[in-house]
Protein backbone atom coordinates (compact mmCIF):
# COMPACT_ATOMS: atom_id res chain seq x y z
CA MET A 1 -1.16 339.97 220.33
CA ALA A 2 1.26 338.36 222.81
CA LEU A 3 -1.66 337.51 225.11
CA ALA A 4 -3.57 335.89 222.25
CA LEU A 5 -0.48 333.89 221.38
CA ASP A 6 -0.09 332.76 224.99
CA ASN A 7 -3.75 331.71 225.10
CA LYS A 8 -3.26 329.77 221.91
CA LEU A 9 -0.22 328.07 223.40
CA GLN A 10 -2.29 327.15 226.45
CA GLU A 11 -4.90 325.57 224.21
CA TRP A 12 -2.24 323.57 222.39
CA ARG A 13 -0.76 322.52 225.74
CA ALA A 14 -4.16 321.24 226.83
CA ARG A 15 -4.59 319.29 223.61
CA VAL A 16 -1.16 317.74 223.91
CA GLN A 17 -1.69 316.82 227.56
CA SER A 18 -4.90 314.98 226.73
CA SER A 19 -3.55 313.16 223.70
CA PRO A 20 -2.30 309.56 223.63
CA LEU A 21 0.96 310.94 222.26
CA ASN A 22 1.57 312.78 225.54
CA ALA A 23 1.00 309.58 227.52
CA TYR A 24 3.47 307.75 225.32
CA TRP A 25 5.92 310.67 225.60
CA ARG A 26 5.75 310.62 229.40
CA TRP A 27 6.26 306.86 229.45
CA TRP A 28 9.19 307.11 227.05
CA LEU A 29 10.81 309.90 229.08
CA GLY A 30 10.34 307.88 232.25
CA GLU A 31 12.01 304.87 230.68
CA LEU A 32 14.80 307.07 229.32
CA LYS A 33 15.40 308.64 232.73
CA ALA A 34 15.51 305.19 234.29
CA LEU A 35 18.30 304.23 231.89
CA MET A 36 20.33 307.36 232.60
CA PRO A 37 23.21 307.22 235.07
CA ASP A 38 22.36 308.47 238.56
CA SER A 39 24.67 311.45 238.18
CA TRP A 40 22.96 312.54 234.97
CA ARG A 41 19.53 312.06 236.48
CA GLU A 42 20.46 314.18 239.47
CA LYS A 43 21.80 316.95 237.21
CA LEU A 44 18.61 316.89 235.14
CA LEU A 45 16.39 317.15 238.21
CA HIS A 46 18.63 319.86 239.60
CA ALA A 47 18.28 321.91 236.40
CA MET A 48 14.46 321.68 236.62
CA ARG A 49 14.18 322.89 240.24
CA ARG A 50 12.06 325.86 241.34
CA VAL A 51 12.10 328.28 244.24
CA THR A 52 8.88 327.86 246.24
CA LEU A 53 7.24 330.62 248.25
CA GLU A 54 4.58 329.89 250.88
CA VAL A 55 2.88 332.90 252.45
CA GLY A 56 0.68 332.81 255.56
CA ASP A 57 0.28 334.05 259.12
CA GLY A 58 2.64 336.99 258.60
CA THR A 59 5.50 334.78 257.44
CA MET A 60 7.00 333.65 254.19
CA VAL A 61 8.67 330.28 253.78
CA LEU A 62 11.28 329.98 251.04
CA GLY A 63 12.03 326.50 249.74
CA VAL A 64 13.20 324.55 246.71
CA GLU A 65 11.11 322.11 244.71
CA GLU A 66 13.13 319.33 243.15
CA ASN A 67 11.81 316.03 241.82
CA GLN A 68 8.25 317.03 242.84
CA ALA A 69 9.30 317.37 246.49
CA VAL A 70 9.49 320.69 248.35
CA GLU A 71 12.35 321.33 250.74
CA ARG A 72 11.67 324.32 253.04
CA ARG A 73 14.90 326.19 253.79
CA GLU A 74 14.26 329.64 255.31
CA THR A 75 11.38 331.43 257.04
CA PHE A 76 11.03 335.22 256.91
CA SER A 77 8.73 337.57 258.81
CA LEU A 78 6.71 339.86 256.57
CA SER A 79 6.81 342.59 259.21
CA GLN A 80 10.39 343.49 258.29
CA ASP A 81 11.24 346.40 256.00
CA SER A 82 10.64 345.32 252.40
CA ASP A 83 13.81 346.96 251.04
CA LEU A 84 15.99 345.39 253.71
CA GLN A 85 14.33 342.03 253.24
CA LYS A 86 14.75 342.34 249.46
CA GLN A 87 18.53 342.54 249.89
CA GLN A 88 18.53 339.65 252.36
CA LEU A 89 16.56 337.47 249.96
CA ARG A 90 18.83 338.38 247.08
CA ASP A 91 21.94 337.49 249.07
CA LEU A 92 20.38 334.19 250.13
CA LEU A 93 19.36 333.25 246.60
CA ALA A 94 22.79 334.22 245.28
CA GLU A 95 24.49 332.18 247.96
CA GLN A 96 22.45 329.07 247.09
CA GLU A 97 22.70 329.72 243.31
CA LEU A 98 18.96 330.31 243.01
CA LEU A 99 18.88 333.81 241.50
CA GLU A 100 18.14 332.52 238.00
CA VAL A 101 15.71 329.78 239.06
CA PRO A 102 11.94 330.21 238.40
CA ARG A 103 9.86 331.12 241.45
CA ALA A 104 6.49 329.57 242.23
CA LEU A 105 3.92 330.69 244.80
CA MET A 106 2.56 327.62 246.54
CA LEU A 107 -1.01 327.61 247.85
CA GLU A 108 -2.49 325.22 250.36
CA SER A 109 -5.18 322.97 248.92
CA LYS A 110 -7.68 324.17 251.55
CA GLY A 111 -7.49 327.68 250.14
CA VAL A 112 -8.58 326.72 246.58
CA LEU A 113 -11.67 325.27 245.01
CA ARG A 114 -11.27 321.96 243.22
CA LYS A 115 -14.07 320.38 241.22
CA GLU A 116 -14.37 317.66 238.64
CA VAL A 117 -16.09 319.02 235.54
CA ARG A 118 -17.38 317.02 232.60
CA LEU A 119 -17.52 318.69 229.21
CA PRO A 120 -18.14 317.47 225.66
CA VAL A 121 -15.05 316.20 223.90
CA ALA A 122 -15.50 318.90 221.26
CA ALA A 123 -14.72 321.52 223.93
CA GLU A 124 -11.27 320.07 224.51
CA SER A 125 -9.78 322.11 221.67
CA ASN A 126 -10.70 325.40 223.40
CA LEU A 127 -10.91 324.56 227.10
CA ARG A 128 -9.87 327.92 228.53
CA GLN A 129 -12.63 329.81 226.77
CA VAL A 130 -15.21 327.10 227.49
CA LEU A 131 -14.27 327.03 231.20
CA ARG A 132 -14.61 330.81 231.39
CA PHE A 133 -18.14 330.53 230.02
CA GLU A 134 -18.91 327.70 232.46
CA MET A 135 -17.31 329.35 235.51
CA ASP A 136 -20.43 330.99 236.99
CA ARG A 137 -22.41 327.76 236.47
CA GLN A 138 -19.80 325.37 237.83
CA THR A 139 -18.51 327.59 240.69
CA PRO A 140 -19.88 330.42 242.85
CA PHE A 141 -17.47 332.86 241.15
CA ARG A 142 -17.42 334.90 237.98
CA ALA A 143 -14.63 334.25 235.51
CA ASP A 144 -13.21 337.77 235.92
CA ASP A 145 -12.88 337.31 239.70
CA VAL A 146 -10.75 334.15 239.70
CA TYR A 147 -7.63 332.56 238.36
CA PHE A 148 -7.96 328.96 237.25
CA ASP A 149 -6.15 326.07 235.69
CA TRP A 150 -6.99 322.45 235.03
CA THR A 151 -5.70 318.98 234.39
CA ILE A 152 -7.42 316.39 232.24
CA LEU A 153 -8.33 313.29 234.21
CA GLY A 154 -9.47 311.17 231.30
CA HIS A 155 -12.15 310.58 228.68
CA ASP A 156 -15.53 308.89 228.83
CA LYS A 157 -15.79 307.56 225.31
CA GLU A 158 -19.28 306.15 225.75
CA ALA A 159 -20.68 309.50 226.93
CA GLY A 160 -18.44 311.50 224.59
CA GLN A 161 -17.11 313.60 227.48
CA VAL A 162 -13.77 314.72 228.87
CA ARG A 163 -13.18 314.70 232.65
CA ILE A 164 -11.40 317.79 234.00
CA ASP A 165 -10.01 318.59 237.43
CA LEU A 166 -10.74 322.32 237.65
CA VAL A 167 -8.80 324.37 240.25
CA VAL A 168 -10.05 327.89 241.03
CA VAL A 169 -8.67 330.54 243.39
CA PRO A 170 -9.96 334.11 244.07
CA ARG A 171 -8.06 336.66 242.11
CA ALA A 172 -7.83 339.40 244.76
CA GLY A 173 -5.78 337.34 247.21
CA ILE A 174 -3.33 336.21 244.53
CA ASP A 175 -2.85 339.75 243.23
CA SER A 176 -2.07 341.18 246.67
CA THR A 177 0.33 338.34 247.47
CA THR A 178 2.24 338.56 244.19
CA GLN A 179 2.53 342.35 244.56
CA MET A 180 3.96 341.90 248.08
CA LEU A 181 6.47 339.37 246.80
CA ALA A 182 7.42 341.60 243.87
CA SER A 183 8.21 344.43 246.31
CA ARG A 184 10.74 342.08 247.89
CA GLY A 185 12.30 341.20 244.56
CA LEU A 186 10.48 337.88 244.21
CA GLY A 187 8.47 338.14 241.04
CA VAL A 188 6.72 334.81 240.54
CA SER A 189 6.26 332.96 237.27
CA CYS A 190 3.88 330.33 238.60
CA VAL A 191 1.10 329.85 241.16
CA ASP A 192 0.77 326.17 242.07
CA VAL A 193 -1.15 324.19 244.68
CA LEU A 194 0.31 321.85 247.31
CA HIS A 195 -1.58 318.64 247.92
CA ASP A 196 -0.19 316.35 250.60
CA GLY A 197 3.08 318.28 250.42
CA GLN A 198 3.51 317.83 246.65
CA PRO A 199 2.81 320.35 243.87
CA LEU A 200 -0.03 319.56 241.47
CA GLY A 201 1.95 320.91 238.52
CA LEU A 202 -0.53 323.72 237.75
CA ASN A 203 -0.04 327.36 236.94
CA LEU A 204 -3.02 329.45 238.03
CA LEU A 205 -1.29 332.68 237.07
CA PRO A 206 -2.42 334.11 233.70
CA PRO A 207 0.27 334.23 231.00
CA ASP A 208 0.43 338.03 231.07
CA ARG A 209 1.22 338.05 234.83
CA ARG A 210 4.05 335.55 234.74
CA ILE A 211 7.56 336.84 235.36
CA LYS A 212 10.06 335.41 232.93
CA VAL A 213 13.21 334.26 234.74
CA ILE A 214 16.18 333.87 232.44
CA ASN A 215 18.79 331.38 233.52
CA ARG A 216 21.94 332.37 231.73
CA LYS A 217 23.48 328.92 232.05
CA VAL A 218 20.35 327.28 230.73
CA ARG A 219 20.10 329.89 228.00
CA LEU A 220 23.73 329.25 227.07
CA ASN A 221 23.10 325.51 227.00
CA GLN A 222 20.01 326.07 224.88
CA VAL A 223 21.98 328.27 222.48
CA LEU A 224 24.76 325.68 222.28
CA ALA A 225 22.24 322.89 221.78
CA ALA A 226 20.47 324.90 219.07
CA GLY A 227 23.83 325.61 217.45
CA ALA A 228 24.70 321.92 217.56
CA VAL A 229 21.35 321.04 216.01
CA ILE A 230 21.87 323.67 213.31
CA LEU A 231 25.38 322.40 212.59
CA VAL A 232 24.14 318.82 212.40
CA ALA A 233 21.30 319.92 210.12
CA LEU A 234 23.77 321.87 207.94
CA ALA A 235 26.13 318.88 207.80
CA MET A 236 23.27 316.58 206.86
CA GLY A 237 21.95 319.08 204.32
CA LEU A 238 25.43 319.56 202.83
CA SER A 239 25.94 315.80 202.68
CA LEU A 240 22.59 315.34 200.98
CA TYR A 241 23.36 318.19 198.57
CA LEU A 242 26.77 316.75 197.67
CA ARG A 243 25.28 313.29 197.26
CA SER A 244 22.50 314.69 195.10
CA HIS A 245 25.04 316.69 193.08
CA GLN A 246 27.17 313.58 192.57
CA VAL A 247 24.14 311.58 191.56
CA THR A 248 23.16 314.31 189.09
CA GLU A 249 26.64 314.40 187.58
CA LEU A 250 26.72 310.61 187.38
CA GLU A 251 23.32 310.55 185.70
CA GLN A 252 24.49 313.17 183.20
CA ALA A 253 27.66 311.16 182.47
CA ILE A 254 25.61 307.99 182.06
CA GLU A 255 23.20 309.82 179.75
CA GLU A 256 26.08 311.13 177.62
CA VAL A 257 27.62 307.64 177.40
CA ARG A 258 24.21 306.18 176.59
CA GLU A 259 23.65 308.73 173.80
CA GLU A 260 27.15 308.02 172.43
CA ALA A 261 26.46 304.28 172.57
CA LEU A 262 23.18 304.81 170.74
CA ARG A 263 24.96 306.81 168.03
CA VAL A 264 27.60 304.08 167.68
CA GLN A 265 24.87 301.44 167.53
CA ARG A 266 23.01 303.39 164.86
CA ILE A 267 26.20 303.71 162.81
CA ARG A 268 26.87 300.00 163.28
CA ASP A 269 23.34 299.16 162.19
CA GLN A 270 23.75 301.36 159.11
CA ILE A 271 27.02 299.62 158.27
CA ASN A 272 25.42 296.21 158.73
CA ASP A 273 22.45 297.22 156.57
CA THR A 274 24.78 298.56 153.89
CA MET A 275 26.88 295.42 153.97
CA GLU A 276 23.79 293.22 153.82
CA SER A 277 22.48 295.23 150.86
CA ALA A 278 25.81 295.03 149.07
CA GLY A 279 26.07 291.33 149.84
CA PHE A 280 22.55 290.78 148.60
CA LEU A 281 23.27 292.56 145.33
CA ALA A 282 26.53 290.68 144.91
CA GLN A 283 24.76 287.41 145.67
CA ARG A 284 22.06 288.22 143.19
CA ARG A 285 24.69 289.11 140.65
CA ILE A 286 26.50 285.83 141.23
CA ALA A 287 23.32 283.78 141.31
CA THR A 288 21.62 285.33 138.29
CA PRO A 289 23.31 285.24 134.85
CA MET A 290 23.73 288.54 133.15
CA ALA A 291 21.49 289.38 130.22
CA VAL A 292 24.50 289.40 127.88
CA ASP A 293 25.35 285.84 128.95
CA VAL A 294 21.79 284.73 128.38
CA LEU A 295 21.75 286.42 124.97
CA ALA A 296 24.99 284.68 124.02
CA ASP A 297 23.62 281.36 125.24
CA VAL A 298 20.42 281.81 123.21
CA THR A 299 22.49 282.57 120.13
CA GLU A 300 24.53 279.39 120.57
CA THR A 301 21.53 277.22 121.45
CA LEU A 302 19.20 278.08 118.56
CA PRO A 303 20.05 276.43 115.20
CA ASP A 304 20.87 278.41 112.07
CA ASP A 305 17.45 277.79 110.49
CA THR A 306 15.78 279.61 113.35
CA TYR A 307 15.54 283.32 113.95
CA LEU A 308 13.77 285.39 116.55
CA ASP A 309 11.28 288.16 116.08
CA ARG A 310 11.11 288.93 119.79
CA LEU A 311 13.38 288.14 122.78
CA VAL A 312 12.62 289.16 126.36
CA VAL A 313 15.26 288.37 128.99
CA GLY A 314 13.83 288.77 132.51
CA GLN A 315 15.33 288.23 135.95
CA ASN A 316 14.28 284.57 136.11
CA SER A 317 12.82 283.83 132.69
CA VAL A 318 13.34 284.15 128.97
CA GLN A 319 10.63 284.61 126.35
CA MET A 320 11.50 283.77 122.72
CA GLN A 321 9.20 284.34 119.77
CA GLY A 322 10.28 283.60 116.19
CA LYS A 323 10.25 281.17 113.21
CA SER A 324 12.03 277.90 112.61
CA GLN A 325 12.00 275.02 110.13
CA ASN A 326 11.61 272.53 113.01
CA ALA A 327 10.17 274.23 116.08
CA GLN A 328 9.74 270.95 118.02
CA GLN A 329 13.44 270.41 118.36
CA LEU A 330 13.88 273.81 120.00
CA ILE A 331 12.46 272.64 123.36
CA GLU A 332 15.08 269.93 123.71
CA ARG A 333 17.91 272.23 122.66
CA VAL A 334 16.85 274.96 125.09
CA ASN A 335 16.64 272.45 128.01
CA GLU A 336 20.17 271.33 127.21
CA SER A 337 21.42 274.89 127.59
CA PRO A 338 23.51 275.52 130.76
CA LEU A 339 21.63 278.81 131.45
CA MET A 340 18.04 277.79 130.62
CA ASP A 341 15.67 274.96 131.55
CA ALA A 342 12.00 274.08 131.87
CA ALA A 343 11.37 275.26 128.33
CA ALA A 344 7.78 275.02 127.03
CA PHE A 345 5.69 276.38 124.19
CA ARG A 346 3.19 279.10 124.85
CA GLY A 347 0.32 277.95 122.76
CA SER A 348 0.68 275.79 119.67
CA THR A 349 3.00 276.32 116.79
CA ARG A 350 1.59 277.32 113.38
CA LEU A 351 2.86 277.54 109.83
CA ASP A 352 3.72 280.92 108.35
CA PRO A 353 2.32 280.83 104.76
CA ARG A 354 4.68 283.45 103.47
CA SER A 355 7.97 281.95 104.68
CA GLY A 356 6.86 278.36 105.07
CA LEU A 357 8.42 278.29 108.56
CA GLU A 358 6.81 277.32 111.87
CA VAL A 359 5.94 280.22 114.14
CA PHE A 360 6.70 279.47 117.82
CA GLU A 361 6.71 281.13 121.24
CA ILE A 362 8.79 279.53 124.01
CA ASN A 363 9.11 280.36 127.70
CA ALA A 364 12.11 279.11 129.72
CA ASN A 365 13.54 279.64 133.20
CA VAL A 366 16.95 281.17 133.74
CA VAL A 367 19.10 278.71 135.68
CA SER A 368 20.72 280.12 138.84
CA ARG A 369 24.48 279.73 139.11
CA ILE A 370 24.16 278.71 142.82
CA ALA A 371 22.54 275.35 143.33
CA SER A 372 19.64 275.14 145.75
CA PRO A 373 19.84 272.81 148.81
CA GLU A 374 17.51 270.37 147.13
CA ALA A 375 19.64 270.37 144.02
CA GLY A 376 22.81 269.98 146.05
CA GLY A 377 21.32 267.06 148.01
């Protein structure tokens, strides 16, 4: 499962390396490094150094790669006893503070096969597997007999292809060399290629063959950095939580005040409605004479020779039906009343044969006690 995970990581690395985001990232890092103080830049390059091992002609050259330049420091003969040489190498690495620095086996470019390969862009998402299938067609080797790595040179958008610099090396020679180095306490985590004295930045060694070198200082710095990131994240999360909690409490308080204000407004509206209703009734009572007053006024207005058979007092009108010796004079008398006006007969008067009196029916308006604007003007 670990091997499958490493292969997947290699695929993701290839995708990232070929993406425009990686180009922007490299440019941004370059600009950032250029802005850093020289002392910081030197410390950063120093932390990224590697121990380089070059094997050939019965000798081993130990060097240090820093800032993509290899500085050769010591040469050892491979004819010496491996156990004795192992202790010598350990003392040397300890003396130069290189015990916890990754080690890379450097190959000469003449000892590897390099070829530019063009593949469809769709293959870019799974280059390792595609290159294994293409190995016997693109090179004279089988995929199981070699170690390989690649760098992406660019894309041909018109042809829909990706250009790859494929680097292949026979597996047998690498295996024997890494075993010899491991017997001397120099397990390697990378196999790179030197071209014009500079590493290509490859790693031909499969993920399952790479020796993990743990730098305790780097690990401590990583742990401290991770702790700082976690603390910052916790502080930000706590700040956001407190702010959200305060906002929630404030919203609840605002909602309670709003509900209380709505209740007060409803009560105020009810009071206003009640007052308006009471005022309206009082106004109507003031403006409209009471039925008793109208009845008293009718009694005083009508002469003694007149009596009523029917009297209807409405809100704005009065209907009188009865008999009188002189019904014509009733209209004038009613209009002179302070509570009635606009009196008129309903129909014509007639003579009652039995009593000899005139039968009448009069309608009149009840006069409001409050004068209208027109009347006031």
